[in-house]
Amino acid sequence: MRNQSQLVLGVILVGLGVLFLFSTLFDIGIGAFCWPMLLILIGVWWIVRPQLVSSDRAVTMHLFGDVDREGVWPVRNEEFWTIFGDIDLDMTRADLPPGETRLHFYSVFGDFEMRVPAGVGVAVSASGIATDVTLGDRKRSSFLGDIQLKSLGYEQAERRIKLNCLTVFGDIEVKQPWYRAEDAHER
């Protein structure tokens, strides 16, 4: 597996397949059991997840609704979790620290849009059932696959953003004012 997101997606799909197979083979009505159990597990995860991450990473969780950040704000390592919602981060005036900042985006139905200033290196790794990734003017689509894109000179940039995304159905778009396709390459 290339990354943790792809592994998680694979485990979820295998688990669902096994569950539905047992339901059919043994004539068990899984709906009456599985939906309440799923809601309980999501609730427990929502409560426990922020305590499981290290102190250098923030966790933002929105069940329904969007996360919008613009203007001057401190950027740091962060996870964003949504069920139904979009994440919109405008980093053009944000306080982006030197070095690599890691952002993680997890969503069932949602889009992630990020605007970064010129000179910031960006690497995007995305997995999902149906996912589109746009970095500048380059767009890649995937069905049950993995997408890797990064800007030219990512490793040498003073400020870098590594974006890891796991979304069931969603779009990831990174906008940079200077970005051209010939300035980027795909791994």
C-alpha atoms as a PDB file:
ATOM      1  CA  MET A   1       0.000   0.000   0.000  1.00  0.00           C
ATOM      2  CA  ARG A   2       1.258   3.441  -0.854  1.00  0.00           C
ATOM      3  CA  ASN A   3      -0.220   5.224   2.133  1.00  0.00           C
ATOM      4  CA  GLN A   4      -2.353   4.803   5.195  1.00  0.00           C
ATOM      5  CA  SER A   5      -5.449   6.302   3.532  1.00  0.00           C
ATOM      6  CA  GLN A   6      -5.445   3.636   0.851  1.00  0.00           C
ATOM      7  CA  LEU A   7      -5.116   0.918   3.506  1.00  0.00           C
ATOM      8  CA  VAL A   8      -8.020   2.332   5.537  1.00  0.00           C
ATOM      9  CA  LEU A   9     -10.248   2.534   2.450  1.00  0.00           C
ATOM     10  CA  GLY A  10      -9.372  -1.057   1.523  1.00  0.00           C
ATOM     11  CA  VAL A  11     -10.158  -2.361   5.012  1.00  0.00           C
ATOM     12  CA  ILE A  12     -13.511  -0.538   5.047  1.00  0.00           C
ATOM     13  CA  LEU A  13     -14.510  -1.947   1.642  1.00  0.00           C
ATOM     14  CA  VAL A  14     -13.448  -5.501   2.577  1.00  0.00           C
ATOM     15  CA  GLY A  15     -15.318  -5.238   5.891  1.00  0.00           C
ATOM     16  CA  LEU A  16     -18.502  -4.079   4.189  1.00  0.00           C
ATOM     17  CA  GLY A  17     -18.201  -6.833   1.596  1.00  0.00           C
ATOM     18  CA  VAL A  18     -17.767  -9.532   4.260  1.00  0.00           C
ATOM     19  CA  LEU A  19     -20.684  -8.130   6.249  1.00  0.00           C
ATOM     20  CA  PHE A  20     -23.030  -8.205   3.252  1.00  0.00           C
ATOM     21  CA  LEU A  21     -21.801 -11.660   2.222  1.00  0.00           C
ATOM     22  CA  PHE A  22     -22.561 -13.111   5.684  1.00  0.00           C
ATOM     23  CA  SER A  23     -25.935 -11.397   5.615  1.00  0.00           C
ATOM     24  CA  THR A  24     -26.776 -13.163   2.362  1.00  0.00           C
ATOM     25  CA  LEU A  25     -25.276 -16.563   3.229  1.00  0.00           C
ATOM     26  CA  PHE A  26     -26.870 -16.868   6.663  1.00  0.00           C
ATOM     27  CA  ASP A  27     -30.070 -14.935   5.955  1.00  0.00           C
ATOM     28  CA  ILE A  28     -29.364 -12.423   8.705  1.00  0.00           C
ATOM     29  CA  GLY A  29     -31.047  -9.018   8.700  1.00  0.00           C
ATOM     30  CA  ILE A  30     -27.987  -6.868   9.313  1.00  0.00           C
ATOM     31  CA  GLY A  31     -29.782  -3.552   8.933  1.00  0.00           C
ATOM     32  CA  ALA A  32     -31.400  -3.696  12.366  1.00  0.00           C
ATOM     33  CA  PHE A  33     -28.007  -4.285  13.980  1.00  0.00           C
ATOM     34  CA  CYS A  34     -25.499  -2.511  11.745  1.00  0.00           C
ATOM     35  CA  TRP A  35     -26.983   0.973  11.424  1.00  0.00           C
ATOM     36  CA  PRO A  36     -27.301   1.561  15.182  1.00  0.00           C
ATOM     37  CA  MET A  37     -23.834   0.057  15.723  1.00  0.00           C
ATOM     38  CA  LEU A  38     -22.406   2.300  12.999  1.00  0.00           C
ATOM     39  CA  LEU A  39     -23.904   5.381  14.649  1.00  0.00           C
ATOM     40  CA  ILE A  40     -22.509   4.319  18.032  1.00  0.00           C
ATOM     41  CA  LEU A  41     -19.037   3.750  16.568  1.00  0.00           C
ATOM     42  CA  ILE A  42     -19.080   7.131  14.810  1.00  0.00           C
ATOM     43  CA  GLY A  43     -20.097   8.810  18.074  1.00  0.00           C
ATOM     44  CA  VAL A  44     -17.337   7.095  20.041  1.00  0.00           C
ATOM     45  CA  TRP A  45     -14.796   7.997  17.357  1.00  0.00           C
ATOM     46  CA  TRP A  46     -15.957  11.615  17.393  1.00  0.00           C
ATOM     47  CA  ILE A  47     -15.382  11.759  21.158  1.00  0.00           C
ATOM     48  CA  VAL A  48     -12.120   9.804  21.332  1.00  0.00           C
ATOM     49  CA  ARG A  49     -10.213  10.887  18.193  1.00  0.00           C
ATOM     50  CA  PRO A  50      -9.057  14.326  19.418  1.00  0.00           C
ATOM     51  CA  GLN A  51      -7.437  12.690  22.462  1.00  0.00           C
ATOM     52  CA  LEU A  52      -5.542  10.140  20.338  1.00  0.00           C
ATOM     53  CA  VAL A  53      -3.431  12.582  18.307  1.00  0.00           C
ATOM     54  CA  SER A  54      -0.158  14.122  19.401  1.00  0.00           C
ATOM     55  CA  SER A  55      -0.096  17.579  20.938  1.00  0.00           C
ATOM     56  CA  ASP A  56       1.522  19.094  17.834  1.00  0.00           C
ATOM     57  CA  ARG A  57      -1.551  18.325  15.682  1.00  0.00           C
ATOM     58  CA  ALA A  58      -4.977  19.925  15.933  1.00  0.00           C
ATOM     59  CA  VAL A  59      -8.198  18.072  15.120  1.00  0.00           C
ATOM     60  CA  THR A  60     -11.211  19.824  13.594  1.00  0.00           C
ATOM     61  CA  MET A  61     -14.369  17.708  13.366  1.00  0.00           C
ATOM     62  CA  HIS A  62     -17.633  18.799  11.750  1.00  0.00           C
ATOM     63  CA  LEU A  63     -20.403  16.261  11.315  1.00  0.00           C
ATOM     64  CA  PHE A  64     -22.406  18.568   9.055  1.00  0.00           C
ATOM     65  CA  GLY A  65     -21.230  21.936   7.811  1.00  0.00           C
ATOM     66  CA  ASP A  66     -18.201  23.632   6.402  1.00  0.00           C
ATOM     67  CA  VAL A  67     -14.868  24.837   7.732  1.00  0.00           C
ATOM     68  CA  ASP A  68     -13.791  28.206   6.297  1.00  0.00           C
ATOM     69  CA  ARG A  69     -10.529  29.926   7.179  1.00  0.00           C
ATOM     70  CA  GLU A  70      -9.259  33.121   5.611  1.00  0.00           C
ATOM     71  CA  GLY A  71      -7.293  36.222   6.493  1.00  0.00           C
ATOM     72  CA  VAL A  72      -4.483  36.007   9.024  1.00  0.00           C
ATOM     73  CA  TRP A  73      -4.497  32.727  10.948  1.00  0.00           C
ATOM     74  CA  PRO A  74      -1.805  30.340  12.250  1.00  0.00           C
ATOM     75  CA  VAL A  75      -1.313  27.241  10.127  1.00  0.00           C
ATOM     76  CA  ARG A  76      -0.159  24.078  11.878  1.00  0.00           C
ATOM     77  CA  ASN A  77      -0.369  20.321  11.486  1.00  0.00           C
ATOM     78  CA  GLU A  78      -4.068  19.496  11.522  1.00  0.00           C
ATOM     79  CA  GLU A  79      -6.703  16.866  10.776  1.00  0.00           C
ATOM     80  CA  PHE A  80     -10.076  17.804   9.304  1.00  0.00           C
ATOM     81  CA  TRP A  81     -12.995  15.346   9.642  1.00  0.00           C
ATOM     82  CA  THR A  82     -16.383  15.830   7.978  1.00  0.00           C
ATOM     83  CA  ILE A  83     -19.289  13.589   7.076  1.00  0.00           C
ATOM     84  CA  PHE A  84     -21.144  16.098   4.895  1.00  0.00           C
ATOM     85  CA  GLY A  85     -19.169  19.306   4.522  1.00  0.00           C
ATOM     86  CA  ASP A  86     -16.476  21.228   2.714  1.00  0.00           C
ATOM     87  CA  ILE A  87     -13.139  22.576   3.900  1.00  0.00           C
ATOM     88  CA  ASP A  88     -12.002  25.932   2.452  1.00  0.00           C
ATOM     89  CA  LEU A  89      -8.569  27.175   3.552  1.00  0.00           C
ATOM     90  CA  ASP A  90      -7.196  30.464   2.231  1.00  0.00           C
ATOM     91  CA  MET A  91      -3.521  30.536   3.163  1.00  0.00           C
ATOM     92  CA  THR A  92      -2.555  33.547   1.072  1.00  0.00           C
ATOM     93  CA  ARG A  93      -2.276  35.727   4.203  1.00  0.00           C
ATOM     94  CA  ALA A  94      -1.981  32.980   6.819  1.00  0.00           C
ATOM     95  CA  ASP A  95       1.033  32.501   9.074  1.00  0.00           C
ATOM     96  CA  LEU A  96       2.603  29.449   7.416  1.00  0.00           C
ATOM     97  CA  PRO A  97       5.671  28.195   9.342  1.00  0.00           C
ATOM     98  CA  PRO A  98       8.932  27.206   7.633  1.00  0.00           C
ATOM     99  CA  GLY A  99       9.364  23.502   6.960  1.00  0.00           C
ATOM    100  CA  GLU A 100       6.676  20.936   6.201  1.00  0.00           C
ATOM    101  CA  THR A 101       3.124  21.340   7.472  1.00  0.00           C
ATOM    102  CA  ARG A 102       0.969  18.210   7.316  1.00  0.00           C
ATOM    103  CA  LEU A 103      -2.769  18.483   6.723  1.00  0.00           C
ATOM    104  CA  HIS A 104      -5.094  15.467   6.728  1.00  0.00           C
ATOM    105  CA  PHE A 105      -8.602  15.596   5.245  1.00  0.00           C
ATOM    106  CA  TYR A 106     -11.124  12.816   5.912  1.00  0.00           C
ATOM    107  CA  SER A 107     -14.626  13.043   4.464  1.00  0.00           C
ATOM    108  CA  VAL A 108     -17.554  10.971   3.267  1.00  0.00           C
ATOM    109  CA  PHE A 109     -19.168  13.597   1.017  1.00  0.00           C
ATOM    110  CA  GLY A 110     -17.163  16.790   0.820  1.00  0.00           C
ATOM    111  CA  ASP A 111     -14.681  18.920  -1.031  1.00  0.00           C
ATOM    112  CA  PHE A 112     -11.369  20.409   0.059  1.00  0.00           C
ATOM    113  CA  GLU A 113     -10.205  23.711  -1.431  1.00  0.00           C
ATOM    114  CA  MET A 114      -6.947  25.402  -0.508  1.00  0.00           C
ATOM    115  CA  ARG A 115      -5.340  28.594  -1.807  1.00  0.00           C
ATOM    116  CA  VAL A 116      -1.622  28.998  -1.118  1.00  0.00           C
ATOM    117  CA  PRO A 117       0.802  31.831  -1.861  1.00  0.00           C
ATOM    118  CA  ALA A 118       3.481  31.646  -4.544  1.00  0.00           C
ATOM    119  CA  GLY A 119       6.630  29.785  -3.567  1.00  0.00           C
ATOM    120  CA  VAL A 120       4.943  27.295  -1.246  1.00  0.00           C
ATOM    121  CA  GLY A 121       5.582  23.667  -2.186  1.00  0.00           C
ATOM    122  CA  VAL A 122       2.511  21.436  -2.232  1.00  0.00           C
ATOM    123  CA  ALA A 123       2.276  17.634  -2.290  1.00  0.00           C
ATOM    124  CA  VAL A 124      -1.140  15.957  -2.496  1.00  0.00           C
ATOM    125  CA  SER A 125      -1.890  12.307  -1.791  1.00  0.00           C
ATOM    126  CA  ALA A 126      -5.552  11.325  -2.188  1.00  0.00           C
ATOM    127  CA  SER A 127      -7.505   8.075  -2.014  1.00  0.00           C
ATOM    128  CA  GLY A 128     -11.198   7.391  -2.343  1.00  0.00           C
ATOM    129  CA  ILE A 129     -13.994   5.715  -4.208  1.00  0.00           C
ATOM    130  CA  ALA A 130     -14.525   8.638  -6.599  1.00  0.00           C
ATOM    131  CA  THR A 131     -11.967  11.412  -6.232  1.00  0.00           C
ATOM    132  CA  ASP A 132     -10.786  14.365  -8.316  1.00  0.00           C
ATOM    133  CA  VAL A 133      -7.572  16.233  -7.495  1.00  0.00           C
ATOM    134  CA  THR A 134      -6.639  19.565  -9.052  1.00  0.00           C
ATOM    135  CA  LEU A 135      -3.231  21.135  -8.456  1.00  0.00           C
ATOM    136  CA  GLY A 136      -3.046  24.402 -10.373  1.00  0.00           C
ATOM    137  CA  ASP A 137      -4.167  23.592 -13.903  1.00  0.00           C
ATOM    138  CA  ARG A 138      -3.559  19.826 -13.638  1.00  0.00           C
ATOM    139  CA  LYS A 139      -6.463  17.544 -12.835  1.00  0.00           C
ATOM    140  CA  ARG A 140      -6.457  13.831 -12.053  1.00  0.00           C
ATOM    141  CA  SER A 141      -9.478  11.628 -11.418  1.00  0.00           C
ATOM    142  CA  SER A 142      -9.593   8.248  -9.756  1.00  0.00           C
ATOM    143  CA  PHE A 143     -12.123   5.526  -9.111  1.00  0.00           C
ATOM    144  CA  LEU A 144     -11.010   3.258  -6.229  1.00  0.00           C
ATOM    145  CA  GLY A 145      -7.457   4.453  -6.597  1.00  0.00           C
ATOM    146  CA  ASP A 146      -4.692   6.676  -5.370  1.00  0.00           C
ATOM    147  CA  ILE A 147      -3.603  10.056  -6.744  1.00  0.00           C
ATOM    148  CA  GLN A 148      -0.186  11.614  -6.079  1.00  0.00           C
ATOM    149  CA  LEU A 149       0.672  15.127  -7.283  1.00  0.00           C
ATOM    150  CA  LYS A 150       3.306  17.592  -6.194  1.00  0.00           C
ATOM    151  CA  SER A 151       4.635  20.929  -7.307  1.00  0.00           C
ATOM    152  CA  LEU A 152       8.074  21.251  -8.836  1.00  0.00           C
ATOM    153  CA  GLY A 153      10.687  22.073  -6.234  1.00  0.00           C
ATOM    154  CA  TYR A 154       8.561  20.780  -3.381  1.00  0.00           C
ATOM    155  CA  GLU A 155      11.545  19.388  -1.468  1.00  0.00           C
ATOM    156  CA  GLN A 156      13.533  22.627  -1.858  1.00  0.00           C
ATOM    157  CA  ALA A 157      10.723  25.034  -0.915  1.00  0.00           C
ATOM    158  CA  GLU A 158      11.171  26.847   2.397  1.00  0.00           C
ATOM    159  CA  ARG A 159       7.496  26.326   3.236  1.00  0.00           C
ATOM    160  CA  ARG A 160       5.779  23.089   2.241  1.00  0.00           C
ATOM    161  CA  ILE A 161       2.298  21.661   2.684  1.00  0.00           C
ATOM    162  CA  LYS A 162       1.759  17.899   2.555  1.00  0.00           C
ATOM    163  CA  LEU A 163      -1.931  17.183   2.077  1.00  0.00           C
ATOM    164  CA  ASN A 164      -3.197  13.634   2.716  1.00  0.00           C
ATOM    165  CA  CYS A 165      -6.835  13.047   1.797  1.00  0.00           C
ATOM    166  CA  LEU A 166      -9.238  10.158   2.244  1.00  0.00           C
ATOM    167  CA  THR A 167     -12.685  10.851   0.874  1.00  0.00           C
ATOM    168  CA  VAL A 168     -15.440   8.543  -0.285  1.00  0.00           C
ATOM    169  CA  PHE A 169     -16.791  11.052  -2.819  1.00  0.00           C
ATOM    170  CA  GLY A 170     -15.030  14.383  -3.102  1.00  0.00           C
ATOM    171  CA  ASP A 171     -12.847  16.867  -4.895  1.00  0.00           C
ATOM    172  CA  ILE A 172      -9.533  18.265  -3.737  1.00  0.00           C
ATOM    173  CA  GLU A 173      -8.411  21.537  -5.299  1.00  0.00           C
ATOM    174  CA  VAL A 174      -5.209  23.476  -4.620  1.00  0.00           C
ATOM    175  CA  LYS A 175      -4.899  26.919  -6.183  1.00  0.00           C
ATOM    176  CA  GLN A 176      -1.620  28.778  -6.547  1.00  0.00           C
ATOM    177  CA  PRO A 177      -1.327  32.101  -8.410  1.00  0.00           C
ATOM    178  CA  TRP A 178       1.872  31.133 -10.224  1.00  0.00           C
ATOM    179  CA  TYR A 179       1.177  27.490 -10.976  1.00  0.00           C
ATOM    180  CA  ARG A 180       1.519  26.099 -14.508  1.00  0.00           C
ATOM    181  CA  ALA A 181       1.405  22.465 -15.599  1.00  0.00           C
ATOM    182  CA  GLU A 182       4.980  22.533 -16.902  1.00  0.00           C
ATOM    183  CA  ASP A 183       6.102  23.554 -13.389  1.00  0.00           C
ATOM    184  CA  ALA A 184       4.853  20.318 -11.836  1.00  0.00           C
ATOM    185  CA  HIS A 185       5.352  16.622 -12.111  1.00  0.00           C
ATOM    186  CA  GLU A 186       3.495  13.556 -10.994  1.00  0.00           C
ATOM    187  CA  ARG A 187       5.073  10.759  -8.967  1.00  0.00           C
END
